[in-house]
Amino acid sequence: MTAFPDEWDEFVLIAIQEKGGTDVEFQALTEDITAFDWMEKDIEAKPLVNGGRAVRRVAFDGPEGITMKMYPVSADTDGTGVVQQFHPILSGTPDTTDPIVVPNSLKRDTYRIVLLWTEQLPDDGTLTATTIPDATYGAQRIQIFNAYMTMYKPSFDGKQWSAEVTFKWAPFTKAAGANKIEESTVGDTQLDAVTAFS
């Protein structure tokens, strides 16, 4: 492969990992990602007495975010549910024993989110968002770090139980490191390994 496809659509692999935990993998449709709210690099133009303008760069002071539609069928943390990511159990140990009970919680965890589009999809289910596509396949990947789940909104629209979920994160860490990485390859060279989040 020596060129990208005309567009990335339909299939996307998603992995969500609590810091220090293990990945929860999702095989998803791109259309169920309903918003990418990336940072802006705005400017202001200050009028001068001679009619000219001086440009001032405006620092972006808001978070970045992503909103996805999910279809939970349980309250577990194994990829069949998402409510425990929004209301983490205060003890720090997820409830995985039936019956699972998830009370409202003020606790917040941070997450790494990985999204992968690749020409290798659809596959036999062995590829995940955190594995590297085979050589010769074009791919695009987004890695997000230190994200908080800020919204979990269940709904029964379309007569089907679903939930709109939003993650938000600061564009940079306190030390000015990037909290989001976007990568691509035409397939001549494989993507690097996913960045650890521990």
C-alpha atoms as a PDB file:
ATOM      1  CA  MET A   1       0.000   0.000   0.000  1.00  0.00           C
ATOM      2  CA  THR A   2       1.459   3.361  -0.986  1.00  0.00           C
ATOM      3  CA  ALA A   3      -1.553   5.661  -0.577  1.00  0.00           C
ATOM      4  CA  PHE A   4      -4.272   6.395   1.932  1.00  0.00           C
ATOM      5  CA  PRO A   5      -7.891   5.429   1.250  1.00  0.00           C
ATOM      6  CA  ASP A   6     -10.254   8.129   0.028  1.00  0.00           C
ATOM      7  CA  GLU A   7     -11.689   8.416   3.535  1.00  0.00           C
ATOM      8  CA  TRP A   8     -11.803   6.714   6.919  1.00  0.00           C
ATOM      9  CA  ASP A   9     -15.347   5.552   7.581  1.00  0.00           C
ATOM     10  CA  GLU A  10     -17.515   2.785   8.967  1.00  0.00           C
ATOM     11  CA  PHE A  11     -15.273   0.725  11.291  1.00  0.00           C
ATOM     12  CA  VAL A  12     -13.181   1.996  14.215  1.00  0.00           C
ATOM     13  CA  LEU A  13     -11.555   0.160  17.100  1.00  0.00           C
ATOM     14  CA  ILE A  14     -11.663   1.883  20.497  1.00  0.00           C
ATOM     15  CA  ALA A  15      -9.805   1.042  23.706  1.00  0.00           C
ATOM     16  CA  ILE A  16     -10.495   2.731  27.042  1.00  0.00           C
ATOM     17  CA  GLN A  17      -8.076   2.122  29.892  1.00  0.00           C
ATOM     18  CA  GLU A  18      -8.272   3.395  33.444  1.00  0.00           C
ATOM     19  CA  LYS A  19      -4.832   4.619  34.548  1.00  0.00           C
ATOM     20  CA  GLY A  20      -2.837   1.599  35.654  1.00  0.00           C
ATOM     21  CA  GLY A  21      -5.626  -0.760  34.578  1.00  0.00           C
ATOM     22  CA  THR A  22      -6.315  -2.892  31.515  1.00  0.00           C
ATOM     23  CA  ASP A  23      -7.911  -1.965  28.203  1.00  0.00           C
ATOM     24  CA  VAL A  24     -11.618  -2.352  27.603  1.00  0.00           C
ATOM     25  CA  GLU A  25     -11.955  -2.926  23.869  1.00  0.00           C
ATOM     26  CA  PHE A  26     -14.832  -1.849  21.626  1.00  0.00           C
ATOM     27  CA  GLN A  27     -15.495  -2.569  17.956  1.00  0.00           C
ATOM     28  CA  ALA A  28     -17.487   0.429  16.839  1.00  0.00           C
ATOM     29  CA  LEU A  29     -18.949   2.360  13.947  1.00  0.00           C
ATOM     30  CA  THR A  30     -17.361   5.715  13.188  1.00  0.00           C
ATOM     31  CA  GLU A  31     -20.785   7.341  12.905  1.00  0.00           C
ATOM     32  CA  ASP A  32     -21.376   6.648  16.625  1.00  0.00           C
ATOM     33  CA  ILE A  33     -18.624   9.143  17.480  1.00  0.00           C
ATOM     34  CA  THR A  34     -20.823  12.213  17.551  1.00  0.00           C
ATOM     35  CA  ALA A  35     -18.323  14.956  18.447  1.00  0.00           C
ATOM     36  CA  PHE A  36     -14.605  15.699  18.327  1.00  0.00           C
ATOM     37  CA  ASP A  37     -14.055  18.904  20.300  1.00  0.00           C
ATOM     38  CA  TRP A  38     -10.386  19.669  19.681  1.00  0.00           C
ATOM     39  CA  MET A  39      -8.556  22.755  20.952  1.00  0.00           C
ATOM     40  CA  GLU A  40      -8.569  26.032  19.056  1.00  0.00           C
ATOM     41  CA  LYS A  41      -5.621  28.342  18.382  1.00  0.00           C
ATOM     42  CA  ASP A  42      -7.489  31.613  18.173  1.00  0.00           C
ATOM     43  CA  ILE A  43      -6.110  35.086  17.602  1.00  0.00           C
ATOM     44  CA  GLU A  44      -7.258  38.619  18.289  1.00  0.00           C
ATOM     45  CA  ALA A  45      -6.572  41.628  16.064  1.00  0.00           C
ATOM     46  CA  LYS A  46      -5.912  44.813  18.049  1.00  0.00           C
ATOM     47  CA  PRO A  47      -6.539  48.047  16.088  1.00  0.00           C
ATOM     48  CA  LEU A  48      -3.629  50.506  15.973  1.00  0.00           C
ATOM     49  CA  VAL A  49      -3.899  54.291  15.611  1.00  0.00           C
ATOM     50  CA  ASN A  50      -2.478  54.095  12.069  1.00  0.00           C
ATOM     51  CA  GLY A  51      -5.284  51.741  11.006  1.00  0.00           C
ATOM     52  CA  GLY A  52      -3.091  48.671  11.156  1.00  0.00           C
ATOM     53  CA  ARG A  53      -3.660  45.619  13.314  1.00  0.00           C
ATOM     54  CA  ALA A  54      -1.452  43.878  15.829  1.00  0.00           C
ATOM     55  CA  VAL A  55      -2.138  40.155  16.192  1.00  0.00           C
ATOM     56  CA  ARG A  56      -2.316  38.665  19.664  1.00  0.00           C
ATOM     57  CA  ARG A  57      -2.327  34.903  20.069  1.00  0.00           C
ATOM     58  CA  VAL A  58      -5.043  33.720  22.455  1.00  0.00           C
ATOM     59  CA  ALA A  59      -4.280  30.742  24.673  1.00  0.00           C
ATOM     60  CA  PHE A  60      -6.963  28.044  24.573  1.00  0.00           C
ATOM     61  CA  ASP A  61      -8.206  27.677  28.136  1.00  0.00           C
ATOM     62  CA  GLY A  62     -10.870  25.008  27.685  1.00  0.00           C
ATOM     63  CA  PRO A  63     -10.710  21.207  27.604  1.00  0.00           C
ATOM     64  CA  GLU A  64     -10.745  19.013  24.524  1.00  0.00           C
ATOM     65  CA  GLY A  65     -13.383  16.317  24.308  1.00  0.00           C
ATOM     66  CA  ILE A  66     -14.936  13.409  22.481  1.00  0.00           C
ATOM     67  CA  THR A  67     -18.530  12.178  22.618  1.00  0.00           C
ATOM     68  CA  MET A  68     -19.543   8.635  21.659  1.00  0.00           C
ATOM     69  CA  LYS A  69     -22.772   6.687  21.559  1.00  0.00           C
ATOM     70  CA  MET A  70     -22.521   3.319  23.285  1.00  0.00           C
ATOM     71  CA  TYR A  71     -24.915   0.432  23.750  1.00  0.00           C
ATOM     72  CA  PRO A  72     -24.420  -0.938  27.289  1.00  0.00           C
ATOM     73  CA  VAL A  73     -26.139  -4.154  28.312  1.00  0.00           C
ATOM     74  CA  SER A  74     -24.787  -4.413  31.875  1.00  0.00           C
ATOM     75  CA  ALA A  75     -23.164  -2.458  34.713  1.00  0.00           C
ATOM     76  CA  ASP A  76     -19.926  -4.470  34.434  1.00  0.00           C
ATOM     77  CA  THR A  77     -16.497  -3.130  33.432  1.00  0.00           C
ATOM     78  CA  ASP A  78     -15.762  -5.812  30.837  1.00  0.00           C
ATOM     79  CA  GLY A  79     -16.897  -3.820  27.810  1.00  0.00           C
ATOM     80  CA  THR A  80     -20.593  -4.629  28.201  1.00  0.00           C
ATOM     81  CA  GLY A  81     -21.233  -1.530  30.344  1.00  0.00           C
ATOM     82  CA  VAL A  82     -19.853   1.948  31.070  1.00  0.00           C
ATOM     83  CA  VAL A  83     -21.635   3.189  34.215  1.00  0.00           C
ATOM     84  CA  GLN A  84     -18.763   2.123  36.532  1.00  0.00           C
ATOM     85  CA  GLN A  85     -16.363   4.292  34.532  1.00  0.00           C
ATOM     86  CA  PHE A  86     -18.627   7.274  35.282  1.00  0.00           C
ATOM     87  CA  HIS A  87     -19.325   6.285  38.911  1.00  0.00           C
ATOM     88  CA  PRO A  88     -16.146   4.449  40.023  1.00  0.00           C
ATOM     89  CA  ILE A  89     -16.577   2.337  43.134  1.00  0.00           C
ATOM     90  CA  LEU A  90     -15.067   4.278  46.059  1.00  0.00           C
ATOM     91  CA  SER A  91     -13.000   1.311  47.223  1.00  0.00           C
ATOM     92  CA  GLY A  92     -11.136   1.415  43.902  1.00  0.00           C
ATOM     93  CA  THR A  93     -12.117  -2.171  43.108  1.00  0.00           C
ATOM     94  CA  PRO A  94     -14.792  -2.538  40.397  1.00  0.00           C
ATOM     95  CA  ASP A  95     -17.873  -4.576  41.230  1.00  0.00           C
ATOM     96  CA  THR A  96     -17.860  -7.579  38.894  1.00  0.00           C
ATOM     97  CA  THR A  97     -19.929 -10.011  40.983  1.00  0.00           C
ATOM     98  CA  ASP A  98     -23.635 -10.511  40.278  1.00  0.00           C
ATOM     99  CA  PRO A  99     -25.685  -8.657  41.196  1.00  0.00           C
ATOM    100  CA  ILE A 100     -23.513  -5.657  40.276  1.00  0.00           C
ATOM    101  CA  VAL A 101     -24.385  -2.525  42.254  1.00  0.00           C
ATOM    102  CA  VAL A 102     -23.126   0.923  41.155  1.00  0.00           C
ATOM    103  CA  PRO A 103     -24.116   3.777  43.499  1.00  0.00           C
ATOM    104  CA  ASN A 104     -23.593   7.392  42.517  1.00  0.00           C
ATOM    105  CA  SER A 105     -20.031   8.400  43.317  1.00  0.00           C
ATOM    106  CA  LEU A 106     -17.994  11.602  43.514  1.00  0.00           C
ATOM    107  CA  LYS A 107     -14.820   9.662  42.624  1.00  0.00           C
ATOM    108  CA  ARG A 108     -13.233  10.399  39.242  1.00  0.00           C
ATOM    109  CA  ASP A 109     -10.682   8.271  37.411  1.00  0.00           C
ATOM    110  CA  THR A 110      -8.486   9.223  34.477  1.00  0.00           C
ATOM    111  CA  TYR A 111      -8.390   7.257  31.242  1.00  0.00           C
ATOM    112  CA  ARG A 112      -6.407   6.671  28.078  1.00  0.00           C
ATOM    113  CA  ILE A 113      -8.506   6.411  24.933  1.00  0.00           C
ATOM    114  CA  VAL A 114      -7.159   4.913  21.708  1.00  0.00           C
ATOM    115  CA  LEU A 115      -9.039   5.068  18.405  1.00  0.00           C
ATOM    116  CA  LEU A 116      -7.771   3.122  15.390  1.00  0.00           C
ATOM    117  CA  TRP A 117      -8.916   3.184  11.785  1.00  0.00           C
ATOM    118  CA  THR A 118      -7.158   0.799   9.419  1.00  0.00           C
ATOM    119  CA  GLU A 119      -7.628  -0.806   6.024  1.00  0.00           C
ATOM    120  CA  GLN A 120      -7.174  -4.118   7.830  1.00  0.00           C
ATOM    121  CA  LEU A 121     -10.769  -3.794   9.080  1.00  0.00           C
ATOM    122  CA  PRO A 122     -12.985  -5.692   9.116  1.00  0.00           C
ATOM    123  CA  ASP A 123     -10.840  -8.560  10.378  1.00  0.00           C
ATOM    124  CA  ASP A 124     -11.414 -11.791  12.288  1.00  0.00           C
ATOM    125  CA  GLY A 125     -11.551  -9.995  15.639  1.00  0.00           C
ATOM    126  CA  THR A 126      -7.890 -10.398  16.579  1.00  0.00           C
ATOM    127  CA  LEU A 127      -6.949  -6.776  15.894  1.00  0.00           C
ATOM    128  CA  THR A 128      -7.560  -4.301  18.728  1.00  0.00           C
ATOM    129  CA  ALA A 129      -7.155  -0.536  19.038  1.00  0.00           C
ATOM    130  CA  THR A 130      -3.882  -1.027  20.913  1.00  0.00           C
ATOM    131  CA  THR A 131      -2.296  -3.597  18.600  1.00  0.00           C
ATOM    132  CA  ILE A 132      -0.354  -2.563  15.519  1.00  0.00           C
ATOM    133  CA  PRO A 133      -1.958  -3.237  12.128  1.00  0.00           C
ATOM    134  CA  ASP A 134      -0.047  -5.534   9.821  1.00  0.00           C
ATOM    135  CA  ALA A 135       2.528  -4.054   7.471  1.00  0.00           C
ATOM    136  CA  THR A 136       1.150  -2.834   4.124  1.00  0.00           C
ATOM    137  CA  TYR A 137      -2.137  -1.636   5.686  1.00  0.00           C
ATOM    138  CA  GLY A 138      -2.773   2.089   5.969  1.00  0.00           C
ATOM    139  CA  ALA A 139      -3.908   3.289   9.383  1.00  0.00           C
ATOM    140  CA  GLN A 140      -4.812   6.347  11.414  1.00  0.00           C
ATOM    141  CA  ARG A 141      -4.693   6.384  15.217  1.00  0.00           C
ATOM    142  CA  ILE A 142      -5.551   8.878  17.952  1.00  0.00           C
ATOM    143  CA  GLN A 143      -4.218   8.468  21.486  1.00  0.00           C
ATOM    144  CA  ILE A 144      -5.727  10.526  24.330  1.00  0.00           C
ATOM    145  CA  PHE A 145      -4.351  10.644  27.868  1.00  0.00           C
ATOM    146  CA  ASN A 146      -5.581  11.863  31.275  1.00  0.00           C
ATOM    147  CA  ALA A 147      -9.210  12.017  30.140  1.00  0.00           C
ATOM    148  CA  TYR A 148     -12.144  12.222  32.524  1.00  0.00           C
ATOM    149  CA  MET A 149     -15.568  10.804  31.750  1.00  0.00           C
ATOM    150  CA  THR A 150     -17.671  13.915  32.277  1.00  0.00           C
ATOM    151  CA  MET A 151     -21.038  12.728  30.967  1.00  0.00           C
ATOM    152  CA  TYR A 152     -22.931   9.459  30.938  1.00  0.00           C
ATOM    153  CA  LYS A 153     -26.439  10.064  29.598  1.00  0.00           C
ATOM    154  CA  PRO A 154     -28.587   6.946  29.152  1.00  0.00           C
ATOM    155  CA  SER A 155     -31.399   7.060  26.621  1.00  0.00           C
ATOM    156  CA  PHE A 156     -34.026   4.844  25.061  1.00  0.00           C
ATOM    157  CA  ASP A 157     -34.205   6.739  21.767  1.00  0.00           C
ATOM    158  CA  GLY A 158     -34.774   4.519  18.773  1.00  0.00           C
ATOM    159  CA  LYS A 159     -36.437   2.075  21.207  1.00  0.00           C
ATOM    160  CA  GLN A 160     -32.987   0.778  22.112  1.00  0.00           C
ATOM    161  CA  TRP A 161     -31.040   1.281  25.344  1.00  0.00           C
ATOM    162  CA  SER A 162     -27.993   3.441  24.652  1.00  0.00           C
ATOM    163  CA  ALA A 163     -25.802   5.977  26.400  1.00  0.00           C
ATOM    164  CA  GLU A 164     -24.085   9.127  25.185  1.00  0.00           C
ATOM    165  CA  VAL A 165     -20.674   9.322  26.824  1.00  0.00           C
ATOM    166  CA  THR A 166     -18.309  12.302  26.864  1.00  0.00           C
ATOM    167  CA  PHE A 167     -14.643  12.307  27.837  1.00  0.00           C
ATOM    168  CA  LYS A 168     -12.752  15.570  28.393  1.00  0.00           C
ATOM    169  CA  TRP A 169      -9.087  16.330  28.994  1.00  0.00           C
ATOM    170  CA  ALA A 170      -6.718  19.289  29.136  1.00  0.00           C
ATOM    171  CA  PRO A 171      -4.807  19.647  25.835  1.00  0.00           C
ATOM    172  CA  PHE A 172      -1.536  19.631  27.797  1.00  0.00           C
ATOM    173  CA  THR A 173      -0.242  18.357  31.114  1.00  0.00           C
ATOM    174  CA  LYS A 174       0.982  20.734  33.817  1.00  0.00           C
ATOM    175  CA  ALA A 175       4.498  20.151  32.459  1.00  0.00           C
ATOM    176  CA  ALA A 176       3.305  21.127  28.926  1.00  0.00           C
ATOM    177  CA  GLY A 177       3.341  17.563  27.584  1.00  0.00           C
ATOM    178  CA  ALA A 178       0.722  16.683  24.972  1.00  0.00           C
ATOM    179  CA  ASN A 179      -2.394  14.828  26.141  1.00  0.00           C
ATOM    180  CA  LYS A 180      -3.354  13.857  22.576  1.00  0.00           C
ATOM    181  CA  ILE A 181      -1.333  12.284  19.747  1.00  0.00           C
ATOM    182  CA  GLU A 182      -2.584  11.786  16.173  1.00  0.00           C
ATOM    183  CA  GLU A 183      -0.701   9.342  13.929  1.00  0.00           C
ATOM    184  CA  SER A 184      -0.988   7.817  10.466  1.00  0.00           C
ATOM    185  CA  THR A 185       0.847   5.519   8.105  1.00  0.00           C
ATOM    186  CA  VAL A 186       0.307   4.510   4.490  1.00  0.00           C
ATOM    187  CA  GLY A 187       1.528   1.058   5.469  1.00  0.00           C
ATOM    188  CA  ASP A 188       5.139   1.281   4.291  1.00  0.00           C
ATOM    189  CA  THR A 189       6.103   1.563   7.967  1.00  0.00           C
ATOM    190  CA  GLN A 190       4.007   0.261  10.843  1.00  0.00           C
ATOM    191  CA  LEU A 191       2.747   2.509  13.639  1.00  0.00           C
ATOM    192  CA  ASP A 192       4.765   2.648  16.851  1.00  0.00           C
ATOM    193  CA  ALA A 193       3.533   0.818  19.941  1.00  0.00           C
ATOM    194  CA  VAL A 194       0.786   2.521  21.916  1.00  0.00           C
ATOM    195  CA  THR A 195       2.071   4.774  24.710  1.00  0.00           C
ATOM    196  CA  ALA A 196       1.735   3.163  28.157  1.00  0.00           C
ATOM    197  CA  PHE A 197      -0.610   4.777  30.689  1.00  0.00           C
ATOM    198  CA  SER A 198       0.271   3.701  34.206  1.00  0.00           C
END
